[in-house]
PDB file of N, CA and C in Angstrom:
ATOM      1  N   MET A   1      80.326-124.163 116.283  1.00  0.00           N
ATOM      2  CA  MET A   1      80.332-124.904 114.828  1.00  0.00           C
ATOM      3  C   MET A   1      79.991-126.258 115.130  1.00  0.00           C
ATOM      4  N   SER A   2      78.842-126.551 114.355  1.00  0.00           N
ATOM      5  CA  SER A   2      78.559-128.101 114.470  1.00  0.00           C
ATOM      6  C   SER A   2      79.238-128.728 113.464  1.00  0.00           C
ATOM      7  N   LEU A   3      79.121-130.137 113.563  1.00  0.00           N
ATOM      8  CA  LEU A   3      79.996-130.970 112.559  1.00  0.00           C
ATOM      9  C   LEU A   3      79.508-130.740 111.189  1.00  0.00           C
ATOM     10  N   THR A   4      78.098-130.616 110.934  1.00  0.00           N
ATOM     11  CA  THR A   4      77.657-130.450 109.486  1.00  0.00           C
ATOM     12  C   THR A   4      78.225-128.915 108.980  1.00  0.00           C
ATOM     13  N   ASP A   5      78.390-128.056 109.761  1.00  0.00           N
ATOM     14  CA  ASP A   5      78.901-126.588 109.401  1.00  0.00           C
ATOM     15  C   ASP A   5      80.225-126.877 108.923  1.00  0.00           C
ATOM     16  N   ALA A   6      81.020-127.718 109.257  1.00  0.00           N
ATOM     17  CA  ALA A   6      82.434-127.905 108.910  1.00  0.00           C
ATOM     18  C   ALA A   6      82.559-128.479 107.550  1.00  0.00           C
ATOM     19  N   TYR A   7      81.593-129.227 107.195  1.00  0.00           N
ATOM     20  CA  TYR A   7      81.379-129.945 105.842  1.00  0.00           C
ATOM     21  C   TYR A   7      80.707-129.225 104.880  1.00  0.00           C
ATOM     22  N   ARG A   8      80.038-128.234 105.153  1.00  0.00           N
ATOM     23  CA  ARG A   8      79.285-127.428 104.297  1.00  0.00           C
ATOM     24  C   ARG A   8      80.004-126.769 103.114  1.00  0.00           C
ATOM     25  N   THR A   9      79.675-126.869 101.873  1.00  0.00           N
ATOM     26  CA  THR A   9      80.355-126.254 100.972  1.00  0.00           C
ATOM     27  C   THR A   9      79.932-124.735 100.700  1.00  0.00           C
ATOM     28  N   PRO A  10      80.955-123.784 100.472  1.00  0.00           N
ATOM     29  CA  PRO A  10      80.688-122.508 100.232  1.00  0.00           C
ATOM     30  C   PRO A  10      79.927-122.378  98.977  1.00  0.00           C
ATOM     31  N   PRO A  11      78.939-121.188  98.765  1.00  0.00           N
ATOM     32  CA  PRO A  11      78.149-121.064  97.692  1.00  0.00           C
ATOM     33  C   PRO A  11      79.218-120.734  96.496  1.00  0.00           C
ATOM     34  N   ALA A  12      78.943-121.269  95.446  1.00  0.00           N
ATOM     35  CA  ALA A  12      79.579-121.112  94.141  1.00  0.00           C
ATOM     36  C   ALA A  12      79.494-119.598  93.780  1.00  0.00           C
ATOM     37  N   GLU A  13      80.854-119.103  93.258  1.00  0.00           N
ATOM     38  CA  GLU A  13      80.743-117.774  92.851  1.00  0.00           C
ATOM     39  C   GLU A  13      80.488-117.812  91.347  1.00  0.00           C
ATOM     40  N   ALA A  14      79.987-116.565  90.828  1.00  0.00           N
ATOM     41  CA  ALA A  14      79.708-116.331  89.394  1.00  0.00           C
ATOM     42  C   ALA A  14      80.970-116.229  88.640  1.00  0.00           C
ATOM     43  N   ARG A  15      80.944-116.873  87.583  1.00  0.00           N
ATOM     44  CA  ARG A  15      82.131-117.021  86.730  1.00  0.00           C
ATOM     45  C   ARG A  15      81.872-116.207  85.609  1.00  0.00           C
ATOM     46  N   ALA A  16      83.120-115.344  85.154  1.00  0.00           N
ATOM     47  CA  ALA A  16      83.047-114.632  83.882  1.00  0.00           C
ATOM     48  C   ALA A  16      83.072-115.650  82.730  1.00  0.00           C
ATOM     49  N   PRO A  17      82.703-115.251  81.689  1.00  0.00           N
ATOM     50  CA  PRO A  17      82.707-116.143  80.313  1.00  0.00           C
ATOM     51  C   PRO A  17      84.049-116.421  80.157  1.00  0.00           C
ATOM     52  N   ALA A  18      84.433-117.447  79.632  1.00  0.00           N
ATOM     53  CA  ALA A  18      85.881-118.103  79.310  1.00  0.00           C
ATOM     54  C   ALA A  18      86.324-117.239  78.118  1.00  0.00           C
ATOM     55  N   VAL A  19      87.591-116.654  78.257  1.00  0.00           N
ATOM     56  CA  VAL A  19      88.182-115.975  77.016  1.00  0.00           C
ATOM     57  C   VAL A  19      89.537-116.675  76.854  1.00  0.00           C
ATOM     58  N   SER A  20      89.954-116.857  75.782  1.00  0.00           N
ATOM     59  CA  SER A  20      91.279-117.524  75.443  1.00  0.00           C
ATOM     60  C   SER A  20      92.187-116.273  75.360  1.00  0.00           C
ATOM     61  N   LEU A  21      93.086-116.163  76.302  1.00  0.00           N
ATOM     62  CA  LEU A  21      93.999-114.977  76.181  1.00  0.00           C
ATOM     63  C   LEU A  21      95.079-114.955  75.143  1.00  0.00           C
ATOM     64  N   GLY A  22      95.495-116.250  74.787  1.00  0.00           N
ATOM     65  CA  GLY A  22      96.553-116.382  73.763  1.00  0.00           C
ATOM     66  C   GLY A  22      96.012-116.165  72.395  1.00  0.00           C
ATOM     67  N   ASN A  23      94.641-116.427  72.040  1.00  0.00           N
ATOM     68  CA  ASN A  23      94.127-116.225  70.743  1.00  0.00           C
ATOM     69  C   ASN A  23      93.383-114.986  70.825  1.00  0.00           C
ATOM     70  N   ARG A  24      93.522-113.993  70.163  1.00  0.00           N
ATOM     71  CA  ARG A  24      92.656-112.742  70.050  1.00  0.00           C
ATOM     72  C   ARG A  24      91.514-112.798  69.059  1.00  0.00           C
ATOM     73  N   GLY A  25      91.579-113.975  68.174  1.00  0.00           N
ATOM     74  CA  GLY A  25      90.633-113.865  67.276  1.00  0.00           C
ATOM     75  C   GLY A  25      91.091-113.616  65.811  1.00  0.00           C
ATOM     76  N   ARG A  26      90.507-114.090  64.854  1.00  0.00           N
ATOM     77  CA  ARG A  26      90.637-113.798  63.489  1.00  0.00           C
ATOM     78  C   ARG A  26      90.277-112.399  63.223  1.00  0.00           C
ATOM     79  N   THR A  27      90.950-111.674  62.257  1.00  0.00           N
ATOM     80  CA  THR A  27      90.698-110.371  61.715  1.00  0.00           C
ATOM     81  C   THR A  27      89.750-110.345  60.579  1.00  0.00           C
ATOM     82  N   ASP A  28      89.663-111.620  59.903  1.00  0.00           N
ATOM     83  CA  ASP A  28      88.825-111.632  58.632  1.00  0.00           C
ATOM     84  C   ASP A  28      87.478-111.873  58.823  1.00  0.00           C
ATOM     85  N   LEU A  29      86.980-111.926  60.126  1.00  0.00           N
ATOM     86  CA  LEU A  29      85.472-112.342  60.345  1.00  0.00           C
ATOM     87  C   LEU A  29      84.924-111.091  61.093  1.00  0.00           C
ATOM     88  N   GLN A  30      83.509-110.961  60.758  1.00  0.00           N
ATOM     89  CA  GLN A  30      82.832-109.982  61.235  1.00  0.00           C
ATOM     90  C   GLN A  30      81.492-110.342  61.317  1.00  0.00           C
ATOM     91  N   LEU A  31      80.764-109.431  62.341  1.00  0.00           N
ATOM     92  CA  LEU A  31      79.184-109.779  62.524  1.00  0.00           C
ATOM     93  C   LEU A  31      78.517-109.888  61.074  1.00  0.00           C
ATOM     94  N   GLY A  32      77.583-110.686  61.068  1.00  0.00           N
ATOM     95  CA  GLY A  32      76.545-110.718  59.792  1.00  0.00           C
ATOM     96  C   GLY A  32      77.362-111.505  58.540  1.00  0.00           C
ATOM     97  N   GLN A  33      78.742-111.869  58.748  1.00  0.00           N
ATOM     98  CA  GLN A  33      79.270-112.594  57.762  1.00  0.00           C
ATOM     99  C   GLN A  33      78.964-113.975  57.583  1.00  0.00           C
ATOM    100  N   ARG A  34      78.877-114.510  56.253  1.00  0.00           N
ATOM    101  CA  ARG A  34      78.311-115.851  56.251  1.00  0.00           C
ATOM    102  C   ARG A  34      79.800-116.755  56.231  1.00  0.00           C
ATOM    103  N   VAL A  35      79.676-117.831  56.853  1.00  0.00           N
ATOM    104  CA  VAL A  35      80.840-118.712  57.258  1.00  0.00           C
ATOM    105  C   VAL A  35      80.474-120.258  57.123  1.00  0.00           C
ATOM    106  N   PHE A  36      81.330-121.211  57.009  1.00  0.00           N
ATOM    107  CA  PHE A  36      81.142-122.610  56.835  1.00  0.00           C
ATOM    108  C   PHE A  36      81.748-123.230  57.828  1.00  0.00           C
ATOM    109  N   HIS A  37      81.079-124.387  58.323  1.00  0.00           N
ATOM    110  CA  HIS A  37      81.601-125.193  59.418  1.00  0.00           C
ATOM    111  C   HIS A  37      81.335-126.629  58.891  1.00  0.00           C
ATOM    112  N   GLY A  38      82.496-127.505  58.964  1.00  0.00           N
ATOM    113  CA  GLY A  38      82.479-128.874  58.469  1.00  0.00           C
ATOM    114  C   GLY A  38      81.248-129.740  58.988  1.00  0.00           C
ATOM    115  N   LYS A  39      80.682-129.504  60.276  1.00  0.00           N
ATOM    116  CA  LYS A  39      79.608-130.400  60.844  1.00  0.00           C
ATOM    117  C   LYS A  39      78.262-129.773  60.682  1.00  0.00           C
ATOM    118  N   PHE A  40      78.302-128.293  60.873  1.00  0.00           N
ATOM    119  CA  PHE A  40      76.842-127.577  60.961  1.00  0.00           C
ATOM    120  C   PHE A  40      76.506-126.829  59.694  1.00  0.00           C
ATOM    121  N   GLY A  41      77.385-126.965  58.698  1.00  0.00           N
ATOM    122  CA  GLY A  41      77.372-126.176  57.396  1.00  0.00           C
ATOM    123  C   GLY A  41      77.435-124.817  57.410  1.00  0.00           C
ATOM    124  N   TYR A  42      76.445-124.089  56.686  1.00  0.00           N
ATOM    125  CA  TYR A  42      76.480-122.587  56.427  1.00  0.00           C
ATOM    126  C   TYR A  42      75.892-121.948  57.566  1.00  0.00           C
ATOM    127  N   GLY A  43      76.328-120.774  57.846  1.00  0.00           N
ATOM    128  CA  GLY A  43      75.602-119.868  58.874  1.00  0.00           C
ATOM    129  C   GLY A  43      76.211-118.439  58.915  1.00  0.00           C
ATOM    130  N   THR A  44      75.605-117.661  59.768  1.00  0.00           N
ATOM    131  CA  THR A  44      75.874-116.204  59.757  1.00  0.00           C
ATOM    132  C   THR A  44      76.265-115.920  61.226  1.00  0.00           C
ATOM    133  N   ILE A  45      77.419-115.151  61.279  1.00  0.00           N
ATOM    134  CA  ILE A  45      78.060-114.805  62.642  1.00  0.00           C
ATOM    135  C   ILE A  45      77.093-113.833  63.411  1.00  0.00           C
ATOM    136  N   ALA A  46      76.625-114.172  64.565  1.00  0.00           N
ATOM    137  CA  ALA A  46      75.868-113.300  65.378  1.00  0.00           C
ATOM    138  C   ALA A  46      76.491-112.689  66.540  1.00  0.00           C
ATOM    139  N   GLN A  47      77.792-113.150  66.902  1.00  0.00           N
ATOM    140  CA  GLN A  47      78.346-112.539  68.078  1.00  0.00           C
ATOM    141  C   GLN A  47      79.900-113.170  68.070  1.00  0.00           C
ATOM    142  N   ILE A  48      80.942-112.166  68.319  1.00  0.00           N
ATOM    143  CA  ILE A  48      82.233-112.509  68.280  1.00  0.00           C
ATOM    144  C   ILE A  48      82.744-111.965  69.737  1.00  0.00           C
ATOM    145  N   GLU A  49      83.468-113.154  70.310  1.00  0.00           N
ATOM    146  CA  GLU A  49      84.125-112.826  71.677  1.00  0.00           C
ATOM    147  C   GLU A  49      85.532-113.317  71.498  1.00  0.00           C
ATOM    148  N   GLY A  50      86.496-112.726  71.415  1.00  0.00           N
ATOM    149  CA  GLY A  50      87.881-113.138  70.937  1.00  0.00           C
ATOM    150  C   GLY A  50      87.993-114.256  69.923  1.00  0.00           C
ATOM    151  N   ASN A  51      88.168-115.357  70.227  1.00  0.00           N
ATOM    152  CA  ASN A  51      88.305-116.465  69.224  1.00  0.00           C
ATOM    153  C   ASN A  51      86.974-117.370  69.103  1.00  0.00           C
ATOM    154  N   LYS A  52      86.038-116.851  69.989  1.00  0.00           N
ATOM    155  CA  LYS A  52      84.664-117.679  70.117  1.00  0.00           C
ATOM    156  C   LYS A  52      83.619-116.943  69.208  1.00  0.00           C
ATOM    157  N   LEU A  53      82.938-117.652  68.451  1.00  0.00           N
ATOM    158  CA  LEU A  53      81.894-117.233  67.664  1.00  0.00           C
ATOM    159  C   LEU A  53      80.590-117.728  67.867  1.00  0.00           C
ATOM    160  N   GLU A  54      79.407-116.908  67.909  1.00  0.00           N
ATOM    161  CA  GLU A  54      78.080-117.643  68.049  1.00  0.00           C
ATOM    162  C   GLU A  54      77.609-117.449  66.544  1.00  0.00           C
ATOM    163  N   ILE A  55      77.242-118.623  66.018  1.00  0.00           N
ATOM    164  CA  ILE A  55      76.780-118.485  64.645  1.00  0.00           C
ATOM    165  C   ILE A  55      75.353-119.196  64.480  1.00  0.00           C
ATOM    166  N   ASP A  56      74.395-118.462  63.748  1.00  0.00           N
ATOM    167  CA  ASP A  56      73.321-119.033  63.358  1.00  0.00           C
ATOM    168  C   ASP A  56      73.310-119.808  62.226  1.00  0.00           C
ATOM    169  N   PHE A  57      73.243-121.163  62.255  1.00  0.00           N
ATOM    170  CA  PHE A  57      73.454-122.140  61.207  1.00  0.00           C
ATOM    171  C   PHE A  57      72.112-122.297  60.629  1.00  0.00           C
ATOM    172  N   GLU A  58      72.062-122.495  59.288  1.00  0.00           N
ATOM    173  CA  GLU A  58      70.922-122.706  58.461  1.00  0.00           C
ATOM    174  C   GLU A  58      70.184-123.779  59.090  1.00  0.00           C
ATOM    175  N   HIS A  59      70.636-124.961  59.367  1.00  0.00           N
ATOM    176  CA  HIS A  59      70.060-126.139  59.602  1.00  0.00           C
ATOM    177  C   HIS A  59      70.269-126.681  61.004  1.00  0.00           C
ATOM    178  N   ALA A  60      71.237-126.171  61.713  1.00  0.00           N
ATOM    179  CA  ALA A  60      71.733-126.727  63.140  1.00  0.00           C
ATOM    180  C   ALA A  60      71.240-125.519  64.118  1.00  0.00           C
ATOM    181  N   GLY A  61      70.888-124.429  63.756  1.00  0.00           N
ATOM    182  CA  GLY A  61      70.510-123.387  64.864  1.00  0.00           C
ATOM    183  C   GLY A  61      71.666-122.737  65.307  1.00  0.00           C
ATOM    184  N   ARG A  62      71.607-121.961  66.507  1.00  0.00           N
ATOM    185  CA  ARG A  62      72.834-121.158  66.978  1.00  0.00           C
ATOM    186  C   ARG A  62      73.512-122.025  67.890  1.00  0.00           C
ATOM    187  N   LYS A  63      74.870-121.894  67.359  1.00  0.00           N
ATOM    188  CA  LYS A  63      76.040-122.611  68.293  1.00  0.00           C
ATOM    189  C   LYS A  63      77.168-121.731  68.526  1.00  0.00           C
ATOM    190  N   ARG A  64      77.938-122.090  69.396  1.00  0.00           N
ATOM    191  CA  ARG A  64      78.998-121.527  69.931  1.00  0.00           C
ATOM    192  C   ARG A  64      80.352-122.169  69.456  1.00  0.00           C
ATOM    193  N   VAL A  65      81.034-121.768  68.522  1.00  0.00           N
ATOM    194  CA  VAL A  65      82.313-122.521  68.134  1.00  0.00           C
ATOM    195  C   VAL A  65      83.583-121.612  68.136  1.00  0.00           C
ATOM    196  N   LEU A  66      84.672-122.258  68.139  1.00  0.00           N
ATOM    197  CA  LEU A  66      86.005-121.517  67.974  1.00  0.00           C
ATOM    198  C   LEU A  66      86.183-121.041  66.490  1.00  0.00           C
ATOM    199  N   ASP A  67      86.649-119.878  66.181  1.00  0.00           N
ATOM    200  CA  ASP A  67      86.906-119.352  64.872  1.00  0.00           C
ATOM    201  C   ASP A  67      87.733-120.178  64.162  1.00  0.00           C
ATOM    202  N   SER A  68      88.507-121.094  64.472  1.00  0.00           N
ATOM    203  CA  SER A  68      89.566-122.028  63.823  1.00  0.00           C
ATOM    204  C   SER A  68      88.760-123.072  63.103  1.00  0.00           C
ATOM    205  N   PHE A  69      87.498-123.192  63.443  1.00  0.00           N
ATOM    206  CA  PHE A  69      86.657-124.378  62.938  1.00  0.00           C
ATOM    207  C   PHE A  69      85.819-123.888  61.758  1.00  0.00           C
ATOM    208  N   VAL A  70      85.874-122.522  61.357  1.00  0.00           N
ATOM    209  CA  VAL A  70      85.133-122.107  60.321  1.00  0.00           C
ATOM    210  C   VAL A  70      85.893-121.462  59.230  1.00  0.00           C
ATOM    211  N   SER A  71      85.275-121.488  57.851  1.00  0.00           N
ATOM    212  CA  SER A  71      86.065-120.769  56.772  1.00  0.00           C
ATOM    213  C   SER A  71      84.853-119.940  56.325  1.00  0.00           C
ATOM    214  N   VAL A  72      85.555-118.870  55.655  1.00  0.00           N
ATOM    215  CA  VAL A  72      84.678-117.731  55.144  1.00  0.00           C
ATOM    216  C   VAL A  72      83.877-118.614  53.924  1.00  0.00           C
ATOM    217  N   GLY A  73      82.564-118.303  53.783  1.00  0.00           N
ATOM    218  CA  GLY A  73      81.846-119.005  53.004  1.00  0.00           C
ATOM    219  C   GLY A  73      81.081-118.149  52.039  1.00  0.00           C
TER     220      GLY A  73
END
């Protein structure tokens, strides 16, 4: 083993998407539903993963936000 081999960093492993285990998500939200976010405005839910939402906002494009930051619009 050479000196440089001792300091070589192992390759990074692929990570699974982060999921909050403590919060299963809101039951009042569903795909295609119109919601409102204080900063991004109105949008439509495109994907739901636990308490994380991907929303297509009218003026801000697609964003990923926590469900606690949106209200049913």
